PDB file of N, CA and C in Angstrom:
ATOM      1  N   MET A   1     164.647 175.886  46.405  1.00  0.00           N
ATOM      2  CA  MET A   1     165.336 174.700  46.879  1.00  0.00           C
ATOM      3  C   MET A   1     166.189 175.062  48.080  1.00  0.00           C
ATOM      4  N   ASN A   2     166.227 174.171  48.990  1.00  0.00           N
ATOM      5  CA  ASN A   2     167.056 174.469  50.150  1.00  0.00           C
ATOM      6  C   ASN A   2     168.517 174.079  49.878  1.00  0.00           C
ATOM      7  N   LYS A   3     169.399 174.513  50.735  1.00  0.00           N
ATOM      8  CA  LYS A   3     170.839 174.332  50.544  1.00  0.00           C
ATOM      9  C   LYS A   3     171.247 172.864  50.604  1.00  0.00           C
ATOM     10  N   ILE A   4     170.603 172.057  51.426  1.00  0.00           N
ATOM     11  CA  ILE A   4     170.959 170.642  51.554  1.00  0.00           C
ATOM     12  C   ILE A   4     170.659 169.894  50.255  1.00  0.00           C
ATOM     13  N   LEU A   5     169.524 170.176  49.639  1.00  0.00           N
ATOM     14  CA  LEU A   5     169.148 169.524  48.380  1.00  0.00           C
ATOM     15  C   LEU A   5     170.103 169.929  47.256  1.00  0.00           C
ATOM     16  N   LYS A   6     170.474 171.199  47.171  1.00  0.00           N
ATOM     17  CA  LYS A   6     171.417 171.667  46.162  1.00  0.00           C
ATOM     18  C   LYS A   6     172.782 170.998  46.351  1.00  0.00           C
ATOM     19  N   PHE A   7     173.210 170.910  47.587  1.00  0.00           N
ATOM     20  CA  PHE A   7     174.490 170.278  47.891  1.00  0.00           C
ATOM     21  C   PHE A   7     174.463 168.797  47.519  1.00  0.00           C
ATOM     22  N   SER A   8     173.363 168.107  47.792  1.00  0.00           N
ATOM     23  CA  SER A   8     173.224 166.685  47.455  1.00  0.00           C
ATOM     24  C   SER A   8     173.263 166.485  45.949  1.00  0.00           C
ATOM     25  N   ILE A   9     172.573 167.335  45.197  1.00  0.00           N
ATOM     26  CA  ILE A   9     172.580 167.231  43.739  1.00  0.00           C
ATOM     27  C   ILE A   9     173.983 167.489  43.193  1.00  0.00           C
ATOM     28  N   LEU A  10     174.681 168.448  43.760  1.00  0.00           N
ATOM     29  CA  LEU A  10     176.053 168.740  43.351  1.00  0.00           C
ATOM     30  C   LEU A  10     176.965 167.543  43.611  1.00  0.00           C
ATOM     31  N   LEU A  11     176.858 166.919  44.765  1.00  0.00           N
ATOM     32  CA  LEU A  11     177.683 165.755  45.081  1.00  0.00           C
ATOM     33  C   LEU A  11     177.402 164.587  44.134  1.00  0.00           C
ATOM     34  N   VAL A  12     176.139 164.322  43.857  1.00  0.00           N
ATOM     35  CA  VAL A  12     175.785 163.245  42.930  1.00  0.00           C
ATOM     36  C   VAL A  12     176.336 163.546  41.541  1.00  0.00           C
ATOM     37  N   GLY A  13     176.223 164.789  41.091  1.00  0.00           N
ATOM     38  CA  GLY A  13     176.754 165.181  39.786  1.00  0.00           C
ATOM     39  C   GLY A  13     178.260 165.008  39.705  1.00  0.00           C
ATOM     40  N   LEU A  14     178.972 165.422  40.741  1.00  0.00           N
ATOM     41  CA  LEU A  14     180.431 165.256  40.772  1.00  0.00           C
ATOM     42  C   LEU A  14     180.828 163.787  40.782  1.00  0.00           C
ATOM     43  N   PHE A  15     180.084 162.969  41.515  1.00  0.00           N
ATOM     44  CA  PHE A  15     180.366 161.535  41.556  1.00  0.00           C
ATOM     45  C   PHE A  15     180.187 160.908  40.168  1.00  0.00           C
ATOM     46  N   LEU A  16     179.101 161.278  39.480  1.00  0.00           N
ATOM     47  CA  LEU A  16     178.866 160.748  38.136  1.00  0.00           C
ATOM     48  C   LEU A  16     179.949 161.203  37.161  1.00  0.00           C
ATOM     49  N   LEU A  17     180.357 162.451  37.239  1.00  0.00           N
ATOM     50  CA  LEU A  17     181.412 162.967  36.381  1.00  0.00           C
ATOM     51  C   LEU A  17     182.727 162.224  36.633  1.00  0.00           C
ATOM     52  N   LYS A  18     183.061 162.019  37.896  1.00  0.00           N
ATOM     53  CA  LYS A  18     184.277 161.281  38.251  1.00  0.00           C
ATOM     54  C   LYS A  18     184.220 159.854  37.724  1.00  0.00           C
ATOM     55  N   THR A  19     183.076 159.213  37.822  1.00  0.00           N
ATOM     56  CA  THR A  19     182.916 157.845  37.347  1.00  0.00           C
ATOM     57  C   THR A  19     183.091 157.757  35.839  1.00  0.00           C
ATOM     58  N   ILE A  20     182.516 158.704  35.116  1.00  0.00           N
ATOM     59  CA  ILE A  20     182.640 158.709  33.652  1.00  0.00           C
ATOM     60  C   ILE A  20     184.092 158.930  33.233  1.00  0.00           C
ATOM     61  N   ILE A  21     184.760 159.878  33.850  1.00  0.00           N
ATOM     62  CA  ILE A  21     186.167 160.149  33.520  1.00  0.00           C
ATOM     63  C   ILE A  21     187.032 158.931  33.844  1.00  0.00           C
ATOM     64  N   ALA A  22     186.828 158.312  34.993  1.00  0.00           N
ATOM     65  CA  ALA A  22     187.616 157.146  35.380  1.00  0.00           C
ATOM     66  C   ALA A  22     187.388 155.978  34.424  1.00  0.00           C
ATOM     67  N   HIS A  23     186.165 155.822  33.944  1.00  0.00           N
ATOM     68  CA  HIS A  23     185.862 154.728  33.020  1.00  0.00           C
ATOM     69  C   HIS A  23     186.689 154.847  31.742  1.00  0.00           C
ATOM     70  N   PHE A  24     186.777 156.048  31.176  1.00  0.00           N
ATOM     71  CA  PHE A  24     187.522 156.221  29.943  1.00  0.00           C
ATOM     72  C   PHE A  24     189.031 156.282  30.181  1.00  0.00           C
ATOM     73  N   TYR A  25     189.456 156.789  31.317  1.00  0.00           N
ATOM     74  CA  TYR A  25     190.882 156.896  31.607  1.00  0.00           C
ATOM     75  C   TYR A  25     191.498 155.535  31.896  1.00  0.00           C
ATOM     76  N   PHE A  26     190.798 154.679  32.621  1.00  0.00           N
ATOM     77  CA  PHE A  26     191.330 153.378  33.017  1.00  0.00           C
ATOM     78  C   PHE A  26     190.776 152.235  32.168  1.00  0.00           C
ATOM     79  N   LYS A  27     190.274 152.547  30.988  1.00  0.00           N
ATOM     80  CA  LYS A  27     189.686 151.523  30.119  1.00  0.00           C
ATOM     81  C   LYS A  27     190.737 150.484  29.764  1.00  0.00           C
ATOM     82  N   ASP A  28     190.368 149.215  29.812  1.00  0.00           N
ATOM     83  CA  ASP A  28     191.277 148.106  29.549  1.00  0.00           C
ATOM     84  C   ASP A  28     191.501 147.945  28.048  1.00  0.00           C
ATOM     85  N   PRO A  29     192.751 148.009  27.576  1.00  0.00           N
ATOM     86  CA  PRO A  29     193.009 147.855  26.143  1.00  0.00           C
ATOM     87  C   PRO A  29     193.004 146.399  25.692  1.00  0.00           C
ATOM     88  N   TYR A  30     192.880 145.451  26.610  1.00  0.00           N
ATOM     89  CA  TYR A  30     192.977 144.040  26.259  1.00  0.00           C
ATOM     90  C   TYR A  30     191.970 143.590  25.206  1.00  0.00           C
ATOM     91  N   PRO A  31     190.689 144.020  25.255  1.00  0.00           N
ATOM     92  CA  PRO A  31     189.776 143.574  24.197  1.00  0.00           C
ATOM     93  C   PRO A  31     190.261 143.961  22.801  1.00  0.00           C
ATOM     94  N   THR A  32     190.889 145.130  22.637  1.00  0.00           N
ATOM     95  CA  THR A  32     191.433 145.526  21.352  1.00  0.00           C
ATOM     96  C   THR A  32     192.594 144.627  20.975  1.00  0.00           C
ATOM     97  N   PHE A  33     193.451 144.304  21.931  1.00  0.00           N
ATOM     98  CA  PHE A  33     194.588 143.413  21.720  1.00  0.00           C
ATOM     99  C   PHE A  33     194.098 142.055  21.237  1.00  0.00           C
ATOM    100  N   GLU A  34     193.060 141.536  21.861  1.00  0.00           N
ATOM    101  CA  GLU A  34     192.521 140.231  21.487  1.00  0.00           C
ATOM    102  C   GLU A  34     191.888 140.284  20.100  1.00  0.00           C
ATOM    103  N   LYS A  35     191.175 141.346  19.796  1.00  0.00           N
ATOM    104  CA  LYS A  35     190.533 141.499  18.487  1.00  0.00           C
ATOM    105  C   LYS A  35     191.585 141.629  17.387  1.00  0.00           C
ATOM    106  N   ASP A  36     192.627 142.414  17.626  1.00  0.00           N
ATOM    107  CA  ASP A  36     193.705 142.569  16.638  1.00  0.00           C
ATOM    108  C   ASP A  36     194.425 141.248  16.396  1.00  0.00           C
ATOM    109  N   SER A  37     194.519 140.427  17.413  1.00  0.00           N
ATOM    110  CA  SER A  37     195.196 139.141  17.305  1.00  0.00           C
ATOM    111  C   SER A  37     194.515 138.208  16.315  1.00  0.00           C
ATOM    112  N   LEU A  38     193.219 138.367  16.139  1.00  0.00           N
ATOM    113  CA  LEU A  38     192.491 137.516  15.204  1.00  0.00           C
ATOM    114  C   LEU A  38     192.946 137.734  13.763  1.00  0.00           C
ATOM    115  N   ASN A  39     193.569 138.875  13.469  1.00  0.00           N
ATOM    116  CA  ASN A  39     194.030 139.194  12.121  1.00  0.00           C
ATOM    117  C   ASN A  39     195.473 138.769  11.864  1.00  0.00           C
ATOM    118  N   ILE A  40     196.081 138.064  12.803  1.00  0.00           N
ATOM    119  CA  ILE A  40     197.473 137.633  12.661  1.00  0.00           C
ATOM    120  C   ILE A  40     197.492 136.142  12.341  1.00  0.00           C
ATOM    121  N   GLU A  41     198.317 135.788  11.367  1.00  0.00           N
ATOM    122  CA  GLU A  41     198.487 134.387  11.002  1.00  0.00           C
ATOM    123  C   GLU A  41     199.974 134.144  10.770  1.00  0.00           C
ATOM    124  N   PHE A  42     200.489 133.034  11.267  1.00  0.00           N
ATOM    125  CA  PHE A  42     201.866 132.670  10.974  1.00  0.00           C
ATOM    126  C   PHE A  42     202.010 131.160  10.991  1.00  0.00           C
ATOM    127  N   ASN A  43     203.036 130.701  10.297  1.00  0.00           N
ATOM    128  CA  ASN A  43     203.315 129.278  10.199  1.00  0.00           C
ATOM    129  C   ASN A  43     204.782 129.147   9.836  1.00  0.00           C
ATOM    130  N   GLY A  44     205.572 128.528  10.693  1.00  0.00           N
ATOM    131  CA  GLY A  44     206.984 128.379  10.375  1.00  0.00           C
ATOM    132  C   GLY A  44     207.784 127.839  11.536  1.00  0.00           C
ATOM    133  N   ILE A  45     209.081 127.981  11.394  1.00  0.00           N
ATOM    134  CA  ILE A  45     210.046 127.497  12.379  1.00  0.00           C
ATOM    135  C   ILE A  45     210.497 128.672  13.239  1.00  0.00           C
ATOM    136  N   VAL A  46     210.595 128.450  14.550  1.00  0.00           N
ATOM    137  CA  VAL A  46     211.076 129.482  15.472  1.00  0.00           C
ATOM    138  C   VAL A  46     212.573 129.667  15.225  1.00  0.00           C
ATOM    139  N   ASN A  47     212.948 130.862  14.727  1.00  0.00           N
ATOM    140  CA  ASN A  47     214.347 131.166  14.431  1.00  0.00           C
ATOM    141  C   ASN A  47     215.059 131.836  15.593  1.00  0.00           C
ATOM    142  N   GLU A  48     214.306 132.586  16.374  1.00  0.00           N
ATOM    143  CA  GLU A  48     214.883 133.322  17.502  1.00  0.00           C
ATOM    144  C   GLU A  48     213.842 133.402  18.599  1.00  0.00           C
ATOM    145  N   LEU A  49     214.301 133.437  19.831  1.00  0.00           N
ATOM    146  CA  LEU A  49     213.412 133.392  20.983  1.00  0.00           C
ATOM    147  C   LEU A  49     213.945 134.336  22.051  1.00  0.00           C
ATOM    148  N   LEU A  50     213.102 135.257  22.488  1.00  0.00           N
ATOM    149  CA  LEU A  50     213.479 136.208  23.535  1.00  0.00           C
ATOM    150  C   LEU A  50     212.407 136.180  24.613  1.00  0.00           C
ATOM    151  N   TYR A  51     212.816 136.241  25.872  1.00  0.00           N
ATOM    152  CA  TYR A  51     211.875 136.301  26.985  1.00  0.00           C
ATOM    153  C   TYR A  51     212.004 137.641  27.683  1.00  0.00           C
ATOM    154  N   ASN A  52     210.855 138.238  28.039  1.00  0.00           N
ATOM    155  CA  ASN A  52     210.903 139.487  28.793  1.00  0.00           C
ATOM    156  C   ASN A  52     211.101 139.178  30.274  1.00  0.00           C
ATOM    157  N   ALA A  53     211.101 140.204  31.104  1.00  0.00           N
ATOM    158  CA  ALA A  53     211.369 140.028  32.538  1.00  0.00           C
ATOM    159  C   ALA A  53     210.321 139.167  33.233  1.00  0.00           C
ATOM    160  N   LYS A  54     209.106 139.136  32.695  1.00  0.00           N
ATOM    161  CA  LYS A  54     208.043 138.333  33.298  1.00  0.00           C
ATOM    162  C   LYS A  54     208.010 136.907  32.747  1.00  0.00           C
ATOM    163  N   GLY A  55     208.905 136.589  31.826  1.00  0.00           N
ATOM    164  CA  GLY A  55     208.965 135.237  31.285  1.00  0.00           C
ATOM    165  C   GLY A  55     208.083 134.992  30.079  1.00  0.00           C
ATOM    166  N   TYR A  56     207.535 136.055  29.474  1.00  0.00           N
ATOM    167  CA  TYR A  56     206.695 135.908  28.293  1.00  0.00           C
ATOM    168  C   TYR A  56     207.565 135.971  27.040  1.00  0.00           C
ATOM    169  N   PRO A  57     207.382 135.041  26.104  1.00  0.00           N
ATOM    170  CA  PRO A  57     208.278 134.988  24.955  1.00  0.00           C
ATOM    171  C   PRO A  57     207.840 135.845  23.776  1.00  0.00           C
ATOM    172  N   SER A  58     208.843 136.311  23.046  1.00  0.00           N
ATOM    173  CA  SER A  58     208.668 136.839  21.707  1.00  0.00           C
ATOM    174  C   SER A  58     209.424 135.882  20.806  1.00  0.00           C
ATOM    175  N   ILE A  59     208.775 135.422  19.751  1.00  0.00           N
ATOM    176  CA  ILE A  59     209.399 134.461  18.850  1.00  0.00           C
ATOM    177  C   ILE A  59     209.548 135.098  17.480  1.00  0.00           C
ATOM    178  N   ARG A  60     210.615 134.719  16.783  1.00  0.00           N
ATOM    179  CA  ARG A  60     210.784 135.182  15.407  1.00  0.00           C
ATOM    180  C   ARG A  60     210.533 134.008  14.493  1.00  0.00           C
ATOM    181  N   VAL A  61     209.543 134.178  13.624  1.00  0.00           N
ATOM    182  CA  VAL A  61     209.229 133.200  12.591  1.00  0.00           C
ATOM    183  C   VAL A  61     209.473 133.914  11.274  1.00  0.00           C
ATOM    184  N   ASP A  62     210.345 133.367  10.446  1.00  0.00           N
ATOM    185  CA  ASP A  62     210.825 134.032   9.235  1.00  0.00           C
ATOM    186  C   ASP A  62     211.451 135.359   9.656  1.00  0.00           C
ATOM    187  N   GLN A  63     210.914 136.486   9.241  1.00  0.00           N
ATOM    188  CA  GLN A  63     211.516 137.783   9.585  1.00  0.00           C
ATOM    189  C   GLN A  63     210.654 138.598  10.538  1.00  0.00           C
ATOM    190  N   THR A  64     209.627 137.994  11.142  1.00  0.00           N
ATOM    191  CA  THR A  64     208.683 138.736  11.973  1.00  0.00           C
ATOM    192  C   THR A  64     208.687 138.218  13.401  1.00  0.00           C
ATOM    193  N   PHE A  65     208.713 139.142  14.364  1.00  0.00           N
ATOM    194  CA  PHE A  65     208.609 138.780  15.769  1.00  0.00           C
ATOM    195  C   PHE A  65     207.151 138.782  16.193  1.00  0.00           C
ATOM    196  N   PHE A  66     206.777 137.802  17.000  1.00  0.00           N
ATOM    197  CA  PHE A  66     205.440 137.713  17.559  1.00  0.00           C
ATOM    198  C   PHE A  66     205.558 137.572  19.071  1.00  0.00           C
ATOM    199  N   TYR A  67     204.777 138.337  19.789  1.00  0.00           N
ATOM    200  CA  TYR A  67     204.723 138.270  21.247  1.00  0.00           C
ATOM    201  C   TYR A  67     203.618 137.287  21.610  1.00  0.00           C
ATOM    202  N   VAL A  68     203.956 136.245  22.381  1.00  0.00           N
ATOM    203  CA  VAL A  68     203.011 135.179  22.733  1.00  0.00           C
ATOM    204  C   VAL A  68     202.904 135.096  24.260  1.00  0.00           C
ATOM    205  N   PRO A  69     202.088 135.978  24.888  1.00  0.00           N
ATOM    206  CA  PRO A  69     202.028 135.996  26.353  1.00  0.00           C
ATOM    207  C   PRO A  69     201.439 134.732  26.973  1.00  0.00           C
ATOM    208  N   SER A  70     200.676 133.960  26.225  1.00  0.00           N
ATOM    209  CA  SER A  70     200.088 132.740  26.793  1.00  0.00           C
ATOM    210  C   SER A  70     201.111 131.612  26.903  1.00  0.00           C
ATOM    211  N   ALA A  71     202.274 131.777  26.313  1.00  0.00           N
ATOM    212  CA  ALA A  71     203.315 130.740  26.344  1.00  0.00           C
ATOM    213  C   ALA A  71     204.391 131.092  27.361  1.00  0.00           C
ATOM    214  N   SER A  72     204.000 131.312  28.596  1.00  0.00           N
ATOM    215  CA  SER A  72     204.949 131.790  29.599  1.00  0.00           C
ATOM    216  C   SER A  72     205.686 130.672  30.335  1.00  0.00           C
ATOM    217  N   ASN A  73     205.458 129.413  29.971  1.00  0.00           N
ATOM    218  CA  ASN A  73     206.100 128.318  30.707  1.00  0.00           C
ATOM    219  C   ASN A  73     207.444 127.913  30.121  1.00  0.00           C
ATOM    220  N   LYS A  74     207.974 128.689  29.193  1.00  0.00           N
ATOM    221  CA  LYS A  74     209.290 128.482  28.582  1.00  0.00           C
ATOM    222  C   LYS A  74     209.418 127.128  27.901  1.00  0.00           C
ATOM    223  N   SER A  75     208.343 126.650  27.294  1.00  0.00           N
ATOM    224  CA  SER A  75     208.404 125.372  26.599  1.00  0.00           C
ATOM    225  C   SER A  75     208.780 125.527  25.132  1.00  0.00           C
ATOM    226  N   ILE A  76     208.725 126.734  24.592  1.00  0.00           N
ATOM    227  CA  ILE A  76     209.089 126.951  23.194  1.00  0.00           C
ATOM    228  C   ILE A  76     210.606 126.973  23.072  1.00  0.00           C
ATOM    229  N   GLU A  77     211.107 126.290  22.042  1.00  0.00           N
ATOM    230  CA  GLU A  77     212.544 126.246  21.782  1.00  0.00           C
ATOM    231  C   GLU A  77     212.806 126.635  20.340  1.00  0.00           C
ATOM    232  N   ILE A  78     214.021 127.104  20.076  1.00  0.00           N
ATOM    233  CA  ILE A  78     214.432 127.401  18.708  1.00  0.00           C
ATOM    234  C   ILE A  78     214.387 126.099  17.914  1.00  0.00           C
ATOM    235  N   GLY A  79     213.809 126.166  16.724  1.00  0.00           N
ATOM    236  CA  GLY A  79     213.670 124.990  15.872  1.00  0.00           C
ATOM    237  C   GLY A  79     212.287 124.364  15.927  1.00  0.00           C
ATOM    238  N   ASP A  80     211.472 124.767  16.892  1.00  0.00           N
ATOM    239  CA  ASP A  80     210.096 124.251  16.964  1.00  0.00           C
ATOM    240  C   ASP A  80     209.277 124.797  15.801  1.00  0.00           C
ATOM    241  N   SER A  81     208.343 123.979  15.329  1.00  0.00           N
ATOM    242  CA  SER A  81     207.366 124.442  14.349  1.00  0.00           C
ATOM    243  C   SER A  81     206.224 125.073  15.123  1.00  0.00           C
ATOM    244  N   ILE A  82     205.750 126.204  14.644  1.00  0.00           N
ATOM    245  CA  ILE A  82     204.700 126.901  15.372  1.00  0.00           C
ATOM    246  C   ILE A  82     203.772 127.559  14.365  1.00  0.00           C
ATOM    247  N   TYR A  83     202.469 127.495  14.637  1.00  0.00           N
ATOM    248  CA  TYR A  83     201.547 128.184  13.741  1.00  0.00           C
ATOM    249  C   TYR A  83     200.301 128.659  14.458  1.00  0.00           C
ATOM    250  N   LYS A  84     199.711 129.676  13.857  1.00  0.00           N
ATOM    251  CA  LYS A  84     198.468 130.265  14.341  1.00  0.00           C
ATOM    252  C   LYS A  84     197.611 130.564  13.130  1.00  0.00           C
ATOM    253  N   LEU A  85     196.373 130.133  13.186  1.00  0.00           N
ATOM    254  CA  LEU A  85     195.445 130.346  12.083  1.00  0.00           C
ATOM    255  C   LEU A  85     194.779 131.713  12.180  1.00  0.00           C
ATOM    256  N   LEU A  86     194.488 132.295  11.035  1.00  0.00           N
ATOM    257  CA  LEU A  86     193.763 133.554  10.966  1.00  0.00           C
ATOM    258  C   LEU A  86     192.369 133.365  11.539  1.00  0.00           C
ATOM    259  N   GLY A  87     191.933 134.286  12.392  1.00  0.00           N
ATOM    260  CA  GLY A  87     190.600 134.211  12.985  1.00  0.00           C
ATOM    261  C   GLY A  87     190.522 133.388  14.254  1.00  0.00           C
ATOM    262  N   LYS A  88     191.641 132.843  14.711  1.00  0.00           N
ATOM    263  CA  LYS A  88     191.683 132.052  15.951  1.00  0.00           C
ATOM    264  C   LYS A  88     192.756 132.627  16.868  1.00  0.00           C
ATOM    265  N   ASN A  89     192.553 132.525  18.162  1.00  0.00           N
ATOM    266  CA  ASN A  89     193.567 132.926  19.137  1.00  0.00           C
ATOM    267  C   ASN A  89     194.164 131.686  19.790  1.00  0.00           C
ATOM    268  N   ILE A  90     194.602 130.775  18.940  1.00  0.00           N
ATOM    269  CA  ILE A  90     195.215 129.528  19.393  1.00  0.00           C
ATOM    270  C   ILE A  90     196.528 129.351  18.643  1.00  0.00           C
ATOM    271  N   VAL A  91     197.616 129.078  19.387  1.00  0.00           N
ATOM    272  CA  VAL A  91     198.932 128.858  18.802  1.00  0.00           C
ATOM    273  C   VAL A  91     199.316 127.402  19.055  1.00  0.00           C
ATOM    274  N   TYR A  92     199.722 126.699  17.985  1.00  0.00           N
ATOM    275  CA  TYR A  92     200.122 125.293  18.078  1.00  0.00           C
ATOM    276  C   TYR A  92     201.632 125.196  17.967  1.00  0.00           C
ATOM    277  N   GLN A  93     202.229 124.388  18.835  1.00  0.00           N
ATOM    278  CA  GLN A  93     203.675 124.205  18.845  1.00  0.00           C
ATOM    279  C   GLN A  93     203.983 122.731  18.612  1.00  0.00           C
ATOM    280  N   TYR A  94     204.831 122.448  17.610  1.00  0.00           N
ATOM    281  CA  TYR A  94     205.250 121.088  17.298  1.00  0.00           C
ATOM    282  C   TYR A  94     206.758 120.982  17.441  1.00  0.00           C
ATOM    283  N   ARG A  95     207.223 119.814  17.865  1.00  0.00           N
ATOM    284  CA  ARG A  95     208.653 119.511  17.928  1.00  0.00           C
ATOM    285  C   ARG A  95     208.837 118.105  17.380  1.00  0.00           C
ATOM    286  N   SER A  96     209.664 117.984  16.379  1.00  0.00           N
ATOM    287  CA  SER A  96     209.923 116.694  15.716  1.00  0.00           C
ATOM    288  C   SER A  96     208.622 116.057  15.236  1.00  0.00           C
ATOM    289  N   GLY A  97     207.716 116.864  14.720  1.00  0.00           N
ATOM    290  CA  GLY A  97     206.462 116.365  14.171  1.00  0.00           C
ATOM    291  C   GLY A  97     205.404 116.007  15.204  1.00  0.00           C
ATOM    292  N   LYS A  98     205.690 116.214  16.480  1.00  0.00           N
ATOM    293  CA  LYS A  98     204.749 115.871  17.544  1.00  0.00           C
ATOM    294  C   LYS A  98     204.188 117.142  18.179  1.00  0.00           C
ATOM    295  N   LEU A  99     202.873 117.180  18.376  1.00  0.00           N
ATOM    296  CA  LEU A  99     202.250 118.326  19.032  1.00  0.00           C
ATOM    297  C   LEU A  99     202.737 118.397  20.480  1.00  0.00           C
ATOM    298  N   MET A 100     203.382 119.499  20.823  1.00  0.00           N
ATOM    299  CA  MET A 100     203.937 119.658  22.170  1.00  0.00           C
ATOM    300  C   MET A 100     203.028 120.473  23.074  1.00  0.00           C
ATOM    301  N   GLU A 101     202.443 121.540  22.521  1.00  0.00           N
ATOM    302  CA  GLU A 101     201.691 122.472  23.360  1.00  0.00           C
ATOM    303  C   GLU A 101     200.688 123.232  22.499  1.00  0.00           C
ATOM    304  N   VAL A 102     199.584 123.584  23.107  1.00  0.00           N
ATOM    305  CA  VAL A 102     198.584 124.445  22.486  1.00  0.00           C
ATOM    306  C   VAL A 102     198.383 125.625  23.425  1.00  0.00           C
ATOM    307  N   PHE A 103     198.633 126.827  22.922  1.00  0.00           N
ATOM    308  CA  PHE A 103     198.521 128.035  23.716  1.00  0.00           C
ATOM    309  C   PHE A 103     197.245 128.771  23.327  1.00  0.00           C
ATOM    310  N   HIS A 104     196.396 129.037  24.286  1.00  0.00           N
ATOM    311  CA  HIS A 104     195.148 129.767  24.051  1.00  0.00           C
ATOM    312  C   HIS A 104     195.335 131.201  24.518  1.00  0.00           C
ATOM    313  N   GLY A 105     195.116 132.135  23.636  1.00  0.00           N
ATOM    314  CA  GLY A 105     195.228 133.542  23.990  1.00  0.00           C
ATOM    315  C   GLY A 105     195.758 134.338  22.828  1.00  0.00           C
ATOM    316  N   PRO A 106     195.633 135.651  22.895  1.00  0.00           N
ATOM    317  CA  PRO A 106     196.035 136.511  21.790  1.00  0.00           C
ATOM    318  C   PRO A 106     197.550 136.628  21.661  1.00  0.00           C
ATOM    319  N   VAL A 107     197.982 137.003  20.466  1.00  0.00           N
ATOM    320  CA  VAL A 107     199.380 137.304  20.175  1.00  0.00           C
ATOM    321  C   VAL A 107     199.432 138.704  19.565  1.00  0.00           C
ATOM    322  N   SER A 108     200.612 139.279  19.512  1.00  0.00           N
ATOM    323  CA  SER A 108     200.763 140.579  18.864  1.00  0.00           C
ATOM    324  C   SER A 108     202.073 140.612  18.110  1.00  0.00           C
ATOM    325  N   LEU A 109     202.165 141.580  17.209  1.00  0.00           N
ATOM    326  CA  LEU A 109     203.395 141.760  16.416  1.00  0.00           C
ATOM    327  C   LEU A 109     204.399 142.546  17.200  1.00  0.00           C
TER     328      LEU A 109
END
């Protein structure tokens, strides 16, 4: 084999190795977050409400905090009824018995 062909094979091999390493290093954890969210269920009154720097809320229902990134418009208030069904990534928000908002997206503990 001549030197140019060996060098070309080496470059292709290094490129493939770099691509494989980058794929696993920069893998997006979001699909796991969404899958884990399907196993969370809650139903109750919002007792406490905290917003992070980006405006995404964490709500406390009973004694558990839930992070609800899809509810970033600050429409949730303390005293609202809120629930999420097991196996769904949809959160329903009620105020005074009226449906106020439906948030589509995963939640986490």
